[in-house]
Amino acid sequence: MSEDSYFELRISINPEIEDIVSDICFENFNCEGVVFAEETYDDSGMVSTTEGTLRVFLTSDSIKDIEEIKQVLLDSRSQMKQRGLSEEELGSWEISFEEKYNQDWSKKWKENWDVTHISENVVIVPSWLEYLPKENELTVSLDPGHAFGTGTHQTTQLCVVGMEQYPQNVVGKKVADIGMGTGILAIIAKKMGAVSVYGCDNDKDVILVARENAVKNNVECVFEHKTADELTEKYDFVCANILHNILAEIMPDLKNIMNDNGIMALSGILDEMKSVVIEAIQQSELTILKENHQDQWVSFVVSK
């Protein structure tokens, strides 16, 4: 590969898991950014879209062996299938590469990111952009090119909806974000007025990213490499944005960290898989307070 070139990796996926696949790429390859759907419009409306193709920009010093990159992706797909995702939910994961030259690709991908209103009052601002918030708007500064969990995904937004529906369990209270990824929900909870916020994840590589994001947003959160079954502290509001089958498996552990009259937002659930989570909620004797929907995703707000 020339020093003036880079690889563009393209992966055909179900758009609903684009954040998950981009996370896999950032963890395993030397990536500078990703691009999700690019849309082209004319006077009659949208004429084309790249939805369903994740474009990943790999640096020249990334993994040199294309076959090794393919194997990492295929192994990751197999693991996700073993965890309960169907072929339809995953997509084909057809992989292609193209070497490109003489483009400032490290900046080009940023053109696809803009300020995103993920709820009525919460705004995600890419770190390289300036934004003047309106009255009562809460802003979170993130660098979408270097970590999974930008807030733009429906499952994250549904957790924010849950927090906004029950602010009495967030403002001045203790909040936990289980499977916190980049810590975006924890940061939002702290900015909403939580007295303390804790986040944990079973992926040790995201801990540093979450801590950096908290510093970037001038909030104090505690992030650790732990799983829900290791926790003994109890919280007034719990967020768990995790795949449906994992939620079902750890539901008793999630219940154990809820205070009496505590509230929990459960997200990461495809609508056709919600029965799995509902059964786990019922078995743990939790009460469903709200069922929120966005596109193909559903979130439950439950109480203890």
Protein backbone atom coordinates (compact mmCIF):
# COMPACT_ATOMS: atom_id res chain seq x y z
CA MET A 1 0.00 0.00 0.00
CA SER A 2 1.27 3.48 -0.84
CA GLU A 3 1.81 5.96 1.99
CA ASP A 4 -0.60 8.26 0.12
CA SER A 5 -3.39 5.71 0.12
CA TYR A 6 -5.84 4.11 2.52
CA PHE A 7 -8.29 1.24 2.56
CA GLU A 8 -12.02 1.71 2.45
CA LEU A 9 -13.69 -1.38 3.90
CA ARG A 10 -17.35 -1.95 2.99
CA ILE A 11 -19.59 -4.32 4.95
CA SER A 12 -23.16 -5.20 3.95
CA ILE A 13 -25.19 -5.33 7.17
CA ASN A 14 -28.64 -4.82 8.60
CA PRO A 15 -28.69 -1.04 9.28
CA GLU A 16 -30.18 -1.72 12.70
CA ILE A 17 -26.83 -3.05 13.99
CA GLU A 18 -24.55 -0.53 12.30
CA ASP A 19 -23.33 0.85 15.64
CA ILE A 20 -22.47 -2.64 16.88
CA VAL A 21 -20.46 -3.47 13.75
CA SER A 22 -18.65 -0.12 13.79
CA ASP A 23 -17.69 -0.86 17.39
CA ILE A 24 -16.18 -4.19 16.30
CA CYS A 25 -14.11 -2.37 13.66
CA PHE A 26 -12.82 0.26 16.09
CA GLU A 27 -11.84 -2.40 18.61
CA ASN A 28 -9.97 -4.62 16.14
CA PHE A 29 -8.63 -2.37 13.38
CA ASN A 30 -6.87 0.97 13.15
CA CYS A 31 -9.88 3.00 12.05
CA GLU A 32 -10.17 6.74 11.66
CA GLY A 33 -13.90 6.84 11.04
CA VAL A 34 -17.00 5.21 9.64
CA VAL A 35 -19.84 6.34 7.40
CA PHE A 36 -23.32 4.92 7.69
CA ALA A 37 -26.02 5.84 5.13
CA GLU A 38 -25.26 8.52 2.56
CA GLU A 39 -28.33 9.86 0.75
CA THR A 40 -28.65 11.69 -2.54
CA TYR A 41 -31.60 13.97 -3.30
CA ASP A 42 -33.04 15.85 -6.23
CA ASP A 43 -36.21 17.92 -6.60
CA SER A 44 -38.39 14.80 -6.41
CA GLY A 45 -36.84 13.59 -3.14
CA MET A 46 -34.26 10.94 -2.26
CA VAL A 47 -32.93 9.19 -5.36
CA SER A 48 -30.33 6.90 -3.77
CA THR A 49 -29.01 5.72 -0.43
CA THR A 50 -26.10 3.60 0.78
CA GLU A 51 -28.14 2.35 3.74
CA GLY A 52 -27.09 -1.20 4.59
CA THR A 53 -23.45 -0.65 3.66
CA LEU A 54 -21.09 0.37 6.45
CA ARG A 55 -18.00 2.16 5.10
CA VAL A 56 -14.93 1.96 7.32
CA PHE A 57 -11.78 4.00 6.76
CA LEU A 58 -8.64 1.99 7.64
CA THR A 59 -5.24 3.65 7.99
CA SER A 60 -2.24 2.48 6.04
CA ASP A 61 -0.76 1.00 9.23
CA SER A 62 -3.89 -1.02 9.98
CA ILE A 63 -3.92 -4.82 9.73
CA LYS A 64 -2.16 -5.54 6.44
CA ASP A 65 -3.68 -8.95 5.81
CA ILE A 66 -7.10 -8.53 4.22
CA GLU A 67 -7.95 -12.15 4.96
CA GLU A 68 -7.26 -11.54 8.64
CA ILE A 69 -9.68 -8.60 8.64
CA LYS A 70 -12.32 -10.74 6.98
CA GLN A 71 -11.81 -13.51 9.53
CA VAL A 72 -12.21 -11.11 12.48
CA LEU A 73 -15.50 -9.88 11.03
CA LEU A 74 -16.80 -13.36 10.25
CA ASP A 75 -15.88 -14.60 13.73
CA SER A 76 -17.69 -11.62 15.26
CA ARG A 77 -20.77 -12.34 13.16
CA SER A 78 -20.74 -15.97 14.29
CA GLN A 79 -20.52 -14.91 17.93
CA MET A 80 -23.50 -12.57 17.51
CA LYS A 81 -25.48 -15.35 15.87
CA GLN A 82 -24.68 -17.66 18.79
CA ARG A 83 -26.03 -14.98 21.11
CA GLY A 84 -29.41 -15.17 19.43
CA LEU A 85 -29.41 -12.76 16.46
CA SER A 86 -30.97 -14.17 13.30
CA GLU A 87 -29.64 -14.02 9.74
CA GLU A 88 -32.16 -11.28 8.98
CA GLU A 89 -31.12 -9.24 12.01
CA LEU A 90 -27.44 -9.53 11.07
CA GLY A 91 -27.52 -9.07 7.31
CA SER A 92 -25.14 -10.80 4.93
CA TRP A 93 -21.86 -9.14 6.02
CA GLU A 94 -20.49 -9.32 2.49
CA ILE A 95 -17.07 -7.65 2.60
CA SER A 96 -15.17 -5.64 -0.02
CA PHE A 97 -12.07 -3.45 0.01
CA GLU A 98 -10.93 -0.58 -2.14
CA GLU A 99 -7.59 1.22 -1.98
CA LYS A 100 -8.01 4.96 -2.44
CA TYR A 101 -5.51 7.72 -3.04
CA ASN A 102 -4.88 11.38 -2.38
CA GLN A 103 -7.97 12.19 -0.33
CA ASP A 104 -8.01 13.76 3.08
CA TRP A 105 -10.08 10.83 4.27
CA SER A 106 -9.35 11.51 7.94
CA LYS A 107 -11.51 14.63 7.56
CA LYS A 108 -13.84 13.52 4.79
CA TRP A 109 -15.89 11.15 6.96
CA LYS A 110 -16.66 14.02 9.34
CA GLU A 111 -18.78 15.64 6.63
CA ASN A 112 -21.48 13.05 7.38
CA TRP A 113 -21.86 14.05 11.02
CA ASP A 114 -23.87 16.97 12.32
CA VAL A 115 -25.52 18.10 15.52
CA THR A 116 -28.14 15.48 16.46
CA HIS A 117 -31.21 16.07 18.60
CA ILE A 118 -31.72 12.67 20.21
CA SER A 119 -34.67 13.84 22.32
CA GLU A 120 -36.63 17.02 22.88
CA ASN A 121 -33.97 18.38 25.23
CA VAL A 122 -30.76 16.38 24.59
CA VAL A 123 -28.36 17.29 21.78
CA ILE A 124 -25.24 15.39 20.68
CA VAL A 125 -22.55 17.71 19.30
CA PRO A 126 -19.53 16.27 17.42
CA SER A 127 -16.40 17.55 19.14
CA TRP A 128 -15.20 19.51 16.09
CA LEU A 129 -18.43 21.52 15.74
CA GLU A 130 -19.64 24.55 17.65
CA TYR A 131 -23.25 24.69 18.81
CA LEU A 132 -25.15 27.26 20.85
CA PRO A 133 -27.78 25.37 22.83
CA LYS A 134 -31.29 26.70 23.20
CA GLU A 135 -32.84 27.30 26.58
CA ASN A 136 -33.26 24.04 28.55
CA GLU A 137 -31.19 22.07 26.01
CA LEU A 138 -28.59 19.66 27.38
CA THR A 139 -25.56 19.13 25.12
CA VAL A 140 -23.11 16.24 25.04
CA SER A 141 -19.82 16.60 23.17
CA LEU A 142 -18.56 13.40 21.52
CA ASP A 143 -16.13 12.33 18.83
CA PRO A 144 -18.22 9.88 16.74
CA GLY A 145 -15.19 8.77 14.75
CA HIS A 146 -13.36 7.07 17.56
CA ALA A 147 -15.86 5.11 19.60
CA PHE A 148 -19.13 3.28 19.51
CA GLY A 149 -22.13 4.89 21.12
CA THR A 150 -22.75 8.25 19.53
CA GLY A 151 -26.29 8.65 20.78
CA THR A 152 -27.71 8.55 17.28
CA HIS A 153 -28.92 4.98 17.57
CA GLN A 154 -32.59 4.40 18.43
CA THR A 155 -31.80 2.17 21.42
CA THR A 156 -29.77 4.91 23.10
CA GLN A 157 -32.46 7.47 22.40
CA LEU A 158 -35.10 5.22 23.94
CA CYS A 159 -33.10 5.09 27.19
CA VAL A 160 -32.96 8.88 27.21
CA VAL A 161 -36.73 8.94 26.74
CA GLY A 162 -37.03 6.74 29.82
CA MET A 163 -34.90 9.11 31.87
CA GLU A 164 -36.97 12.08 30.73
CA GLN A 165 -40.20 10.29 31.61
CA TYR A 166 -39.04 9.69 35.20
CA PRO A 167 -36.78 12.62 36.12
CA GLN A 168 -37.70 12.19 39.78
CA ASN A 169 -35.54 9.05 39.77
CA VAL A 170 -32.62 10.83 38.07
CA VAL A 171 -32.39 14.39 39.39
CA GLY A 172 -30.62 14.34 42.73
CA LYS A 173 -30.53 10.53 42.69
CA LYS A 174 -28.08 7.67 42.05
CA VAL A 175 -27.95 6.34 38.49
CA ALA A 176 -26.23 3.28 36.99
CA ASP A 177 -25.54 2.55 33.32
CA ILE A 178 -25.00 -1.17 32.79
CA GLY A 179 -23.11 -1.99 29.60
CA MET A 180 -22.31 1.69 29.31
CA GLY A 181 -20.09 1.58 26.19
CA THR A 182 -18.80 5.12 25.66
CA GLY A 183 -20.69 6.35 28.70
CA ILE A 184 -23.12 8.58 26.85
CA LEU A 185 -26.15 7.67 28.97
CA ALA A 186 -24.16 8.12 32.17
CA ILE A 187 -23.00 11.55 30.99
CA ILE A 188 -26.55 12.57 30.11
CA ALA A 189 -27.81 11.40 33.51
CA LYS A 190 -25.15 13.45 35.28
CA LYS A 191 -25.98 16.52 33.19
CA MET A 192 -29.66 16.01 33.99
CA GLY A 193 -28.78 16.39 37.67
CA ALA A 194 -28.01 12.93 39.05
CA VAL A 195 -26.09 13.19 42.32
CA SER A 196 -23.85 10.27 41.34
CA VAL A 197 -23.47 8.11 38.25
CA TYR A 198 -21.84 4.70 37.89
CA GLY A 199 -21.18 2.80 34.68
CA CYS A 200 -19.80 -0.66 34.01
CA ASP A 201 -19.09 -2.77 30.94
CA ASN A 202 -17.69 -6.24 30.32
CA ASP A 203 -15.47 -4.79 27.57
CA LYS A 204 -12.41 -3.32 29.27
CA ASP A 205 -11.43 -1.42 26.11
CA VAL A 206 -14.35 1.02 26.40
CA ILE A 207 -13.57 2.14 29.95
CA LEU A 208 -10.87 4.62 28.92
CA VAL A 209 -13.08 6.02 26.15
CA ALA A 210 -15.95 6.56 28.59
CA ARG A 211 -13.66 8.29 31.08
CA GLU A 212 -12.31 10.56 28.35
CA ASN A 213 -15.85 11.44 27.28
CA ALA A 214 -16.79 12.32 30.86
CA VAL A 215 -13.78 14.62 31.15
CA LYS A 216 -14.62 16.19 27.78
CA ASN A 217 -18.09 16.98 29.11
CA ASN A 218 -16.88 18.22 32.51
CA VAL A 219 -18.87 15.63 34.49
CA GLU A 220 -17.81 13.19 37.17
CA CYS A 221 -18.77 9.56 36.60
CA VAL A 222 -17.29 6.32 37.88
CA PHE A 223 -16.63 3.71 35.18
CA GLU A 224 -15.40 0.18 35.83
CA HIS A 225 -14.74 -3.08 34.00
CA LYS A 226 -17.42 -5.16 35.74
CA THR A 227 -20.65 -7.01 35.07
CA ALA A 228 -24.01 -6.57 36.79
CA ASP A 229 -23.65 -9.71 38.92
CA GLU A 230 -20.55 -8.23 40.58
CA LEU A 231 -22.33 -5.12 41.86
CA THR A 232 -23.65 -4.64 45.40
CA GLU A 233 -24.59 -0.93 45.36
CA LYS A 234 -28.22 -0.01 44.71
CA TYR A 235 -29.51 2.74 42.42
CA ASP A 236 -32.63 4.84 41.90
CA PHE A 237 -32.44 4.67 38.08
CA VAL A 238 -30.74 1.97 36.03
CA CYS A 239 -30.10 2.02 32.26
CA ALA A 240 -29.37 -1.22 30.44
CA ASN A 241 -28.99 -0.85 26.68
CA ILE A 242 -28.00 -4.41 25.77
CA LEU A 243 -29.11 -7.13 23.34
CA HIS A 244 -32.44 -8.74 24.24
CA ASN A 245 -31.04 -12.17 25.12
CA ILE A 246 -28.42 -10.69 27.44
CA LEU A 247 -31.07 -8.55 29.14
CA ALA A 248 -33.16 -11.65 29.77
CA GLU A 249 -30.16 -13.52 31.17
CA ILE A 250 -29.07 -10.80 33.62
CA MET A 251 -32.54 -9.54 34.64
CA PRO A 252 -32.23 -10.91 38.23
CA ASP A 253 -28.85 -9.13 38.59
CA LEU A 254 -30.36 -5.88 37.31
CA LYS A 255 -33.24 -6.17 39.76
CA ASN A 256 -30.77 -6.68 42.63
CA ILE A 257 -29.12 -3.29 42.03
CA MET A 258 -32.42 -1.38 41.98
CA ASN A 259 -33.55 0.47 45.09
CA ASP A 260 -37.08 -0.17 46.28
CA ASN A 261 -39.31 1.93 44.01
CA GLY A 262 -36.35 2.21 41.63
CA ILE A 263 -36.84 2.67 37.89
CA MET A 264 -35.01 0.89 35.07
CA ALA A 265 -34.91 1.55 31.33
CA LEU A 266 -34.31 -1.61 29.27
CA SER A 267 -33.32 -1.05 25.65
CA GLY A 268 -31.56 -2.79 22.76
CA ILE A 269 -34.66 -4.85 22.00
CA LEU A 270 -35.97 -5.51 18.50
CA ASP A 271 -39.76 -5.42 18.46
CA GLU A 272 -40.08 -9.05 17.36
CA MET A 273 -37.88 -10.14 20.29
CA LYS A 274 -39.66 -8.20 23.02
CA SER A 275 -41.51 -11.30 24.31
CA VAL A 276 -38.17 -12.70 25.52
CA VAL A 277 -37.57 -9.60 27.65
CA ILE A 278 -41.19 -9.38 28.83
CA GLU A 279 -40.97 -12.94 30.13
CA ALA A 280 -37.77 -12.14 32.02
CA ILE A 281 -39.36 -8.99 33.48
CA GLN A 282 -42.34 -10.99 34.70
CA GLN A 283 -40.18 -13.76 36.15
CA SER A 284 -38.24 -11.15 38.11
CA GLU A 285 -41.54 -9.68 39.36
CA LEU A 286 -40.82 -6.25 37.94
CA THR A 287 -43.65 -3.98 36.79
CA ILE A 288 -43.75 -2.52 33.28
CA LEU A 289 -44.57 1.20 33.50
CA LYS A 290 -43.94 2.26 29.91
CA GLU A 291 -43.36 0.62 26.54
CA ASN A 292 -41.63 3.05 24.18
CA HIS A 293 -41.06 2.49 20.46
CA GLN A 294 -38.81 3.94 17.80
CA ASP A 295 -38.68 2.34 14.37
CA GLN A 296 -38.10 -1.43 14.88
CA TRP A 297 -36.89 -1.00 18.44
CA VAL A 298 -38.74 -1.16 21.74
CA SER A 299 -37.75 -0.11 25.25
CA PHE A 300 -39.38 -0.94 28.57
CA VAL A 301 -39.39 1.25 31.64
CA VAL A 302 -39.94 -0.96 34.69
CA SER A 303 -40.16 -0.51 38.44
CA LYS A 304 -39.23 -2.71 41.37
